[in-house]
Amino acid sequence: MADIPDPTIRLAIPGTGTFNLCTVAGPGDSCTTTLVDGSPDTTFGDNGFGSFAVMNVDSLAIDSISFSFQTANLDQAFSASTDDFSTVNIIRHFACDGEFCGGTLEVDYSGVVAKSDTNVGGSFSLAGIACDAANCPTAVGFVPHSNVTVVSRYNFVPDPTVCCDGIQPGEEGRITAASDVPEPSSFVLLIGAAGLLAIKRKFQFYRG
């Protein structure tokens, strides 16, 4: 496992292609969107990394959002951070097939309380899971061309000049999934300002 480059997910300035998120009837309501690969963007490429954007098309701001990514390797270390939400959580959901287990990685962002310039956003980390060398999963990144499930909750949220304002109406975000640098045993998820998401490809291979 030490030789496998772990992926990095980052919320950043959007590029081309946008998945519109679902809309709700009123404040406090939630809805679920499935980002279907190839419509309008590819989610993850053949190498398990990729790039896509999401757009808040509702008149309310998103005060919490969760992403569920399909992966064949949940044993890696995972971490997430954000400067648009004050709280981050990561949950592994295992699904086993024979001796190897994959499943989904759930990444939750919530909290829209303004914070100081020196303490913007939240972060969270999960340690890697030790495994026998013969039974360690070898997949890198996420399942190629897999769909992504997004659960969004909407509310009235002020738009402060300092963190954290969630994803405001009309804001687009780009999710970035690339191989992690420089530490191959860490998996980083970064969520960028103003709900901007991006996925780009980067690889760095290591020798143990």
C-alpha atoms as a PDB file:
ATOM      1  CA  MET A   1       0.000   0.000   0.000  1.00  0.00           C
ATOM      2  CA  ALA A   2       2.879   2.384   0.609  1.00  0.00           C
ATOM      3  CA  ASP A   3       3.652   2.319  -3.109  1.00  0.00           C
ATOM      4  CA  ILE A   4       0.157   3.365  -4.209  1.00  0.00           C
ATOM      5  CA  PRO A   5      -0.383   7.088  -4.899  1.00  0.00           C
ATOM      6  CA  ASP A   6      -3.514   8.124  -3.031  1.00  0.00           C
ATOM      7  CA  PRO A   7      -5.947  10.560  -4.656  1.00  0.00           C
ATOM      8  CA  THR A   8      -6.650  14.165  -3.709  1.00  0.00           C
ATOM      9  CA  ILE A   9     -10.085  15.738  -4.068  1.00  0.00           C
ATOM     10  CA  ARG A  10     -10.309  19.508  -4.099  1.00  0.00           C
ATOM     11  CA  LEU A  11     -13.071  22.065  -4.444  1.00  0.00           C
ATOM     12  CA  ALA A  12     -11.664  24.757  -6.722  1.00  0.00           C
ATOM     13  CA  ILE A  13     -12.373  27.242  -9.520  1.00  0.00           C
ATOM     14  CA  PRO A  14     -14.751  25.638 -12.036  1.00  0.00           C
ATOM     15  CA  GLY A  15     -13.802  24.699 -15.550  1.00  0.00           C
ATOM     16  CA  THR A  16     -15.964  23.316 -18.354  1.00  0.00           C
ATOM     17  CA  GLY A  17     -19.079  21.241 -17.830  1.00  0.00           C
ATOM     18  CA  THR A  18     -21.638  21.573 -15.071  1.00  0.00           C
ATOM     19  CA  PHE A  19     -24.030  19.234 -13.290  1.00  0.00           C
ATOM     20  CA  ASN A  20     -27.029  21.191 -11.993  1.00  0.00           C
ATOM     21  CA  LEU A  21     -27.915  20.227  -8.433  1.00  0.00           C
ATOM     22  CA  CYS A  22     -31.516  19.517  -7.447  1.00  0.00           C
ATOM     23  CA  THR A  23     -33.886  22.192  -6.147  1.00  0.00           C
ATOM     24  CA  VAL A  24     -36.197  22.196  -3.115  1.00  0.00           C
ATOM     25  CA  ALA A  25     -39.586  23.580  -2.082  1.00  0.00           C
ATOM     26  CA  GLY A  26     -38.308  25.669   0.802  1.00  0.00           C
ATOM     27  CA  PRO A  27     -35.666  26.322   3.477  1.00  0.00           C
ATOM     28  CA  GLY A  28     -34.550  23.302   5.486  1.00  0.00           C
ATOM     29  CA  ASP A  29     -35.379  20.873   2.684  1.00  0.00           C
ATOM     30  CA  SER A  30     -32.895  18.381   1.223  1.00  0.00           C
ATOM     31  CA  CYS A  31     -32.718  16.644  -2.131  1.00  0.00           C
ATOM     32  CA  THR A  32     -30.502  14.109  -3.884  1.00  0.00           C
ATOM     33  CA  THR A  33     -28.737  14.461  -7.226  1.00  0.00           C
ATOM     34  CA  THR A  34     -26.996  11.657  -9.120  1.00  0.00           C
ATOM     35  CA  LEU A  35     -24.123  12.927 -11.227  1.00  0.00           C
ATOM     36  CA  VAL A  36     -24.249  10.545 -14.181  1.00  0.00           C
ATOM     37  CA  ASP A  37     -20.911   9.977 -15.881  1.00  0.00           C
ATOM     38  CA  GLY A  38     -20.817  11.651 -19.279  1.00  0.00           C
ATOM     39  CA  SER A  39     -23.806  13.925 -18.634  1.00  0.00           C
ATOM     40  CA  PRO A  40     -22.525  16.586 -19.306  1.00  0.00           C
ATOM     41  CA  ASP A  41     -19.043  15.708 -18.014  1.00  0.00           C
ATOM     42  CA  THR A  42     -17.077  12.569 -17.307  1.00  0.00           C
ATOM     43  CA  THR A  43     -16.854  12.074 -13.563  1.00  0.00           C
ATOM     44  CA  PHE A  44     -13.818   9.774 -13.310  1.00  0.00           C
ATOM     45  CA  GLY A  45     -11.512   8.688 -16.093  1.00  0.00           C
ATOM     46  CA  ASP A  46     -10.021   5.284 -16.813  1.00  0.00           C
ATOM     47  CA  ASN A  47      -7.301   5.973 -14.226  1.00  0.00           C
ATOM     48  CA  GLY A  48      -9.795   6.622 -11.393  1.00  0.00           C
ATOM     49  CA  PHE A  49      -9.330  10.396 -11.459  1.00  0.00           C
ATOM     50  CA  GLY A  50     -11.265  13.085 -13.280  1.00  0.00           C
ATOM     51  CA  SER A  51     -12.962  16.485 -13.328  1.00  0.00           C
ATOM     52  CA  PHE A  52     -16.512  17.800 -13.055  1.00  0.00           C
ATOM     53  CA  ALA A  53     -18.444  20.806 -11.779  1.00  0.00           C
ATOM     54  CA  VAL A  54     -21.721  21.278  -9.878  1.00  0.00           C
ATOM     55  CA  MET A  55     -24.021  24.302  -9.852  1.00  0.00           C
ATOM     56  CA  ASN A  56     -26.440  25.545  -7.193  1.00  0.00           C
ATOM     57  CA  VAL A  57     -29.446  26.555  -9.317  1.00  0.00           C
ATOM     58  CA  ASP A  58     -31.788  27.084  -6.353  1.00  0.00           C
ATOM     59  CA  SER A  59     -32.687  30.488  -4.879  1.00  0.00           C
ATOM     60  CA  LEU A  60     -31.469  29.282  -1.466  1.00  0.00           C
ATOM     61  CA  ALA A  61     -27.891  28.618  -0.376  1.00  0.00           C
ATOM     62  CA  ILE A  62     -26.597  25.107   0.330  1.00  0.00           C
ATOM     63  CA  ASP A  63     -25.792  24.897   4.056  1.00  0.00           C
ATOM     64  CA  SER A  64     -24.630  21.261   3.925  1.00  0.00           C
ATOM     65  CA  ILE A  65     -23.627  18.917   1.123  1.00  0.00           C
ATOM     66  CA  SER A  66     -22.531  15.271   1.010  1.00  0.00           C
ATOM     67  CA  PHE A  67     -20.724  13.423  -1.762  1.00  0.00           C
ATOM     68  CA  SER A  68     -20.630   9.628  -2.117  1.00  0.00           C
ATOM     69  CA  PHE A  69     -17.769   8.363  -4.295  1.00  0.00           C
ATOM     70  CA  GLN A  70     -17.446   4.737  -5.414  1.00  0.00           C
ATOM     71  CA  THR A  71     -14.038   3.232  -4.721  1.00  0.00           C
ATOM     72  CA  ALA A  72     -12.478  -0.227  -4.746  1.00  0.00           C
ATOM     73  CA  ASN A  73      -9.936   0.787  -2.080  1.00  0.00           C
ATOM     74  CA  LEU A  74     -11.287   2.145   1.205  1.00  0.00           C
ATOM     75  CA  ASP A  75      -8.165   1.066   3.114  1.00  0.00           C
ATOM     76  CA  GLN A  76      -6.264   4.230   2.208  1.00  0.00           C
ATOM     77  CA  ALA A  77      -5.938   7.132   4.627  1.00  0.00           C
ATOM     78  CA  PHE A  78      -8.487   9.857   3.900  1.00  0.00           C
ATOM     79  CA  SER A  79      -8.563  13.517   4.827  1.00  0.00           C
ATOM     80  CA  ALA A  80     -10.801  16.419   3.906  1.00  0.00           C
ATOM     81  CA  SER A  81     -10.744  20.162   4.395  1.00  0.00           C
ATOM     82  CA  THR A  82     -12.860  23.119   3.359  1.00  0.00           C
ATOM     83  CA  ASP A  83     -12.873  26.889   3.571  1.00  0.00           C
ATOM     84  CA  ASP A  84     -16.587  27.213   2.731  1.00  0.00           C
ATOM     85  CA  PHE A  85     -17.999  25.057   5.535  1.00  0.00           C
ATOM     86  CA  SER A  86     -16.980  24.905   9.181  1.00  0.00           C
ATOM     87  CA  THR A  87     -17.317  21.134   9.660  1.00  0.00           C
ATOM     88  CA  VAL A  88     -16.120  18.131   7.661  1.00  0.00           C
ATOM     89  CA  ASN A  89     -16.758  14.425   8.187  1.00  0.00           C
ATOM     90  CA  ILE A  90     -15.685  11.312   6.262  1.00  0.00           C
ATOM     91  CA  ILE A  91     -17.404   7.924   6.503  1.00  0.00           C
ATOM     92  CA  ARG A  92     -16.374   4.618   4.902  1.00  0.00           C
ATOM     93  CA  HIS A  93     -19.216   2.406   3.662  1.00  0.00           C
ATOM     94  CA  PHE A  94     -17.821  -1.056   2.939  1.00  0.00           C
ATOM     95  CA  ALA A  95     -19.251  -3.528   0.448  1.00  0.00           C
ATOM     96  CA  CYS A  96     -17.326  -6.788   0.121  1.00  0.00           C
ATOM     97  CA  ASP A  97     -17.084  -9.132  -2.833  1.00  0.00           C
ATOM     98  CA  GLY A  98     -15.052 -12.202  -1.967  1.00  0.00           C
ATOM     99  CA  GLU A  99     -11.850 -11.410  -0.100  1.00  0.00           C
ATOM    100  CA  PHE A 100     -11.611  -7.808  -1.348  1.00  0.00           C
ATOM    101  CA  CYS A 101     -13.782  -4.976  -0.017  1.00  0.00           C
ATOM    102  CA  GLY A 102     -14.660  -1.734  -1.743  1.00  0.00           C
ATOM    103  CA  GLY A 103     -17.660   0.525  -1.307  1.00  0.00           C
ATOM    104  CA  THR A 104     -18.307   4.239  -1.113  1.00  0.00           C
ATOM    105  CA  LEU A 105     -16.517   7.111   0.529  1.00  0.00           C
ATOM    106  CA  GLU A 106     -18.969   9.627   1.990  1.00  0.00           C
ATOM    107  CA  VAL A 107     -17.642  13.158   2.455  1.00  0.00           C
ATOM    108  CA  ASP A 108     -19.899  15.540   4.388  1.00  0.00           C
ATOM    109  CA  TYR A 109     -19.527  19.323   4.529  1.00  0.00           C
ATOM    110  CA  SER A 110     -21.706  21.399   6.852  1.00  0.00           C
ATOM    111  CA  GLY A 111     -21.742  24.517   9.018  1.00  0.00           C
ATOM    112  CA  VAL A 112     -21.959  28.061   7.667  1.00  0.00           C
ATOM    113  CA  VAL A 113     -20.826  30.050  10.729  1.00  0.00           C
ATOM    114  CA  ALA A 114     -18.455  32.902   9.935  1.00  0.00           C
ATOM    115  CA  LYS A 115     -14.957  32.393  11.309  1.00  0.00           C
ATOM    116  CA  SER A 116     -11.832  34.533  11.660  1.00  0.00           C
ATOM    117  CA  ASP A 117      -9.238  34.999   8.920  1.00  0.00           C
ATOM    118  CA  THR A 118      -6.795  32.808  10.855  1.00  0.00           C
ATOM    119  CA  ASN A 119      -9.235  29.913  11.268  1.00  0.00           C
ATOM    120  CA  VAL A 120     -11.195  29.389   8.071  1.00  0.00           C
ATOM    121  CA  GLY A 121     -13.047  26.195   7.356  1.00  0.00           C
ATOM    122  CA  GLY A 122     -12.994  22.731   8.838  1.00  0.00           C
ATOM    123  CA  SER A 123     -10.972  19.572   8.287  1.00  0.00           C
ATOM    124  CA  PHE A 124     -11.093  15.887   9.125  1.00  0.00           C
ATOM    125  CA  SER A 125      -8.797  12.875   8.729  1.00  0.00           C
ATOM    126  CA  LEU A 126      -9.123   9.086   8.839  1.00  0.00           C
ATOM    127  CA  ALA A 127      -6.093   6.862   9.320  1.00  0.00           C
ATOM    128  CA  GLY A 128      -5.405   4.146   6.785  1.00  0.00           C
ATOM    129  CA  ILE A 129      -6.484   0.582   7.522  1.00  0.00           C
ATOM    130  CA  ALA A 130      -3.656  -1.902   7.957  1.00  0.00           C
ATOM    131  CA  CYS A 131      -3.985  -5.057   5.884  1.00  0.00           C
ATOM    132  CA  ASP A 132      -2.086  -8.211   5.016  1.00  0.00           C
ATOM    133  CA  ALA A 133       0.052  -7.642   1.914  1.00  0.00           C
ATOM    134  CA  ALA A 134      -1.661 -10.529   0.129  1.00  0.00           C
ATOM    135  CA  ASN A 135      -5.105  -9.054   0.765  1.00  0.00           C
ATOM    136  CA  CYS A 136      -4.516  -5.332   0.329  1.00  0.00           C
ATOM    137  CA  PRO A 137      -6.652  -3.682  -2.355  1.00  0.00           C
ATOM    138  CA  THR A 138      -4.583  -2.293  -5.219  1.00  0.00           C
ATOM    139  CA  ALA A 139      -7.086   0.050  -6.888  1.00  0.00           C
ATOM    140  CA  VAL A 140      -6.151   3.724  -6.988  1.00  0.00           C
ATOM    141  CA  GLY A 141      -8.637   6.570  -6.822  1.00  0.00           C
ATOM    142  CA  PHE A 142     -12.281   5.937  -7.601  1.00  0.00           C
ATOM    143  CA  VAL A 143     -14.180   3.535  -9.835  1.00  0.00           C
ATOM    144  CA  PRO A 144     -13.635   4.722 -13.429  1.00  0.00           C
ATOM    145  CA  HIS A 145     -16.704   6.354 -15.016  1.00  0.00           C
ATOM    146  CA  SER A 146     -18.759   5.825 -11.859  1.00  0.00           C
ATOM    147  CA  ASN A 147     -21.673   8.049 -10.857  1.00  0.00           C
ATOM    148  CA  VAL A 148     -21.538  10.335  -7.817  1.00  0.00           C
ATOM    149  CA  THR A 149     -24.431  10.798  -5.391  1.00  0.00           C
ATOM    150  CA  VAL A 150     -24.845  14.290  -3.927  1.00  0.00           C
ATOM    151  CA  VAL A 151     -27.224  15.208  -1.089  1.00  0.00           C
ATOM    152  CA  SER A 152     -27.774  18.968  -0.689  1.00  0.00           C
ATOM    153  CA  ARG A 153     -29.640  20.822   2.070  1.00  0.00           C
ATOM    154  CA  TYR A 154     -30.801  24.371   1.439  1.00  0.00           C
ATOM    155  CA  ASN A 155     -31.464  27.341   3.713  1.00  0.00           C
ATOM    156  CA  PHE A 156     -31.198  31.096   4.091  1.00  0.00           C
ATOM    157  CA  VAL A 157     -27.473  31.693   4.547  1.00  0.00           C
ATOM    158  CA  PRO A 158     -25.704  35.071   4.757  1.00  0.00           C
ATOM    159  CA  ASP A 159     -22.757  35.627   2.421  1.00  0.00           C
ATOM    160  CA  PRO A 160     -19.979  36.864   4.753  1.00  0.00           C
ATOM    161  CA  THR A 161     -16.628  38.085   3.497  1.00  0.00           C
ATOM    162  CA  VAL A 162     -14.935  35.461   5.697  1.00  0.00           C
ATOM    163  CA  CYS A 163     -15.743  31.713   5.946  1.00  0.00           C
ATOM    164  CA  CYS A 164     -18.241  30.103   5.894  1.00  0.00           C
ATOM    165  CA  ASP A 165     -21.130  30.723   3.522  1.00  0.00           C
ATOM    166  CA  GLY A 166     -21.754  27.285   2.003  1.00  0.00           C
ATOM    167  CA  ILE A 167     -22.636  27.283  -1.689  1.00  0.00           C
ATOM    168  CA  GLN A 168     -24.611  30.401  -2.527  1.00  0.00           C
ATOM    169  CA  PRO A 169     -27.321  30.599  -5.241  1.00  0.00           C
ATOM    170  CA  GLY A 170     -25.792  30.608  -8.711  1.00  0.00           C
ATOM    171  CA  GLU A 171     -22.373  29.454  -7.494  1.00  0.00           C
ATOM    172  CA  GLU A 172     -20.596  26.715  -9.389  1.00  0.00           C
ATOM    173  CA  GLY A 173     -18.101  24.341  -7.885  1.00  0.00           C
ATOM    174  CA  ARG A 174     -15.539  22.030  -9.467  1.00  0.00           C
ATOM    175  CA  ILE A 175     -14.427  18.767  -7.887  1.00  0.00           C
ATOM    176  CA  THR A 176     -10.833  17.733  -8.432  1.00  0.00           C
ATOM    177  CA  ALA A 177      -9.655  14.150  -7.977  1.00  0.00           C
ATOM    178  CA  ALA A 178      -5.946  13.600  -8.530  1.00  0.00           C
ATOM    179  CA  SER A 179      -3.184  11.513  -7.004  1.00  0.00           C
ATOM    180  CA  ASP A 180      -1.965  12.757  -3.673  1.00  0.00           C
ATOM    181  CA  VAL A 181       1.365  14.567  -3.277  1.00  0.00           C
ATOM    182  CA  PRO A 182       3.744  14.262  -1.600  1.00  0.00           C
ATOM    183  CA  GLU A 183       2.693  11.543   0.862  1.00  0.00           C
ATOM    184  CA  PRO A 184       1.404   8.354  -0.842  1.00  0.00           C
ATOM    185  CA  SER A 185      -0.281   7.154   2.355  1.00  0.00           C
ATOM    186  CA  SER A 186      -2.599  10.128   2.629  1.00  0.00           C
ATOM    187  CA  PHE A 187      -5.825  10.869   0.771  1.00  0.00           C
ATOM    188  CA  VAL A 188      -6.795  14.530   0.826  1.00  0.00           C
ATOM    189  CA  LEU A 189     -10.122  16.136   0.051  1.00  0.00           C
ATOM    190  CA  LEU A 190     -10.066  19.900  -0.161  1.00  0.00           C
ATOM    191  CA  ILE A 191     -13.159  22.018  -0.674  1.00  0.00           C
ATOM    192  CA  GLY A 192     -12.561  25.485  -2.103  1.00  0.00           C
ATOM    193  CA  ALA A 193     -14.115  28.879  -1.497  1.00  0.00           C
ATOM    194  CA  ALA A 194     -17.596  29.784  -2.667  1.00  0.00           C
ATOM    195  CA  GLY A 195     -18.547  26.194  -3.335  1.00  0.00           C
ATOM    196  CA  LEU A 196     -16.166  25.785  -6.253  1.00  0.00           C
ATOM    197  CA  LEU A 197     -15.277  22.141  -7.106  1.00  0.00           C
ATOM    198  CA  ALA A 198     -12.710  20.607  -9.521  1.00  0.00           C
ATOM    199  CA  ILE A 199     -11.058  17.287 -10.541  1.00  0.00           C
ATOM    200  CA  LYS A 200      -7.723  17.148 -12.289  1.00  0.00           C
ATOM    201  CA  ARG A 201      -5.294  14.381 -12.953  1.00  0.00           C
ATOM    202  CA  LYS A 202      -1.910  14.183 -11.268  1.00  0.00           C
ATOM    203  CA  PHE A 203       0.217  11.142 -10.624  1.00  0.00           C
ATOM    204  CA  GLN A 204       3.249  10.623  -8.497  1.00  0.00           C
ATOM    205  CA  PHE A 205       4.591   7.148  -7.959  1.00  0.00           C
ATOM    206  CA  TYR A 206       6.746   6.044  -5.082  1.00  0.00           C
ATOM    207  CA  ARG A 207       9.116   3.181  -4.316  1.00  0.00           C
ATOM    208  CA  GLY A 208       8.952   1.676  -0.860  1.00  0.00           C
END
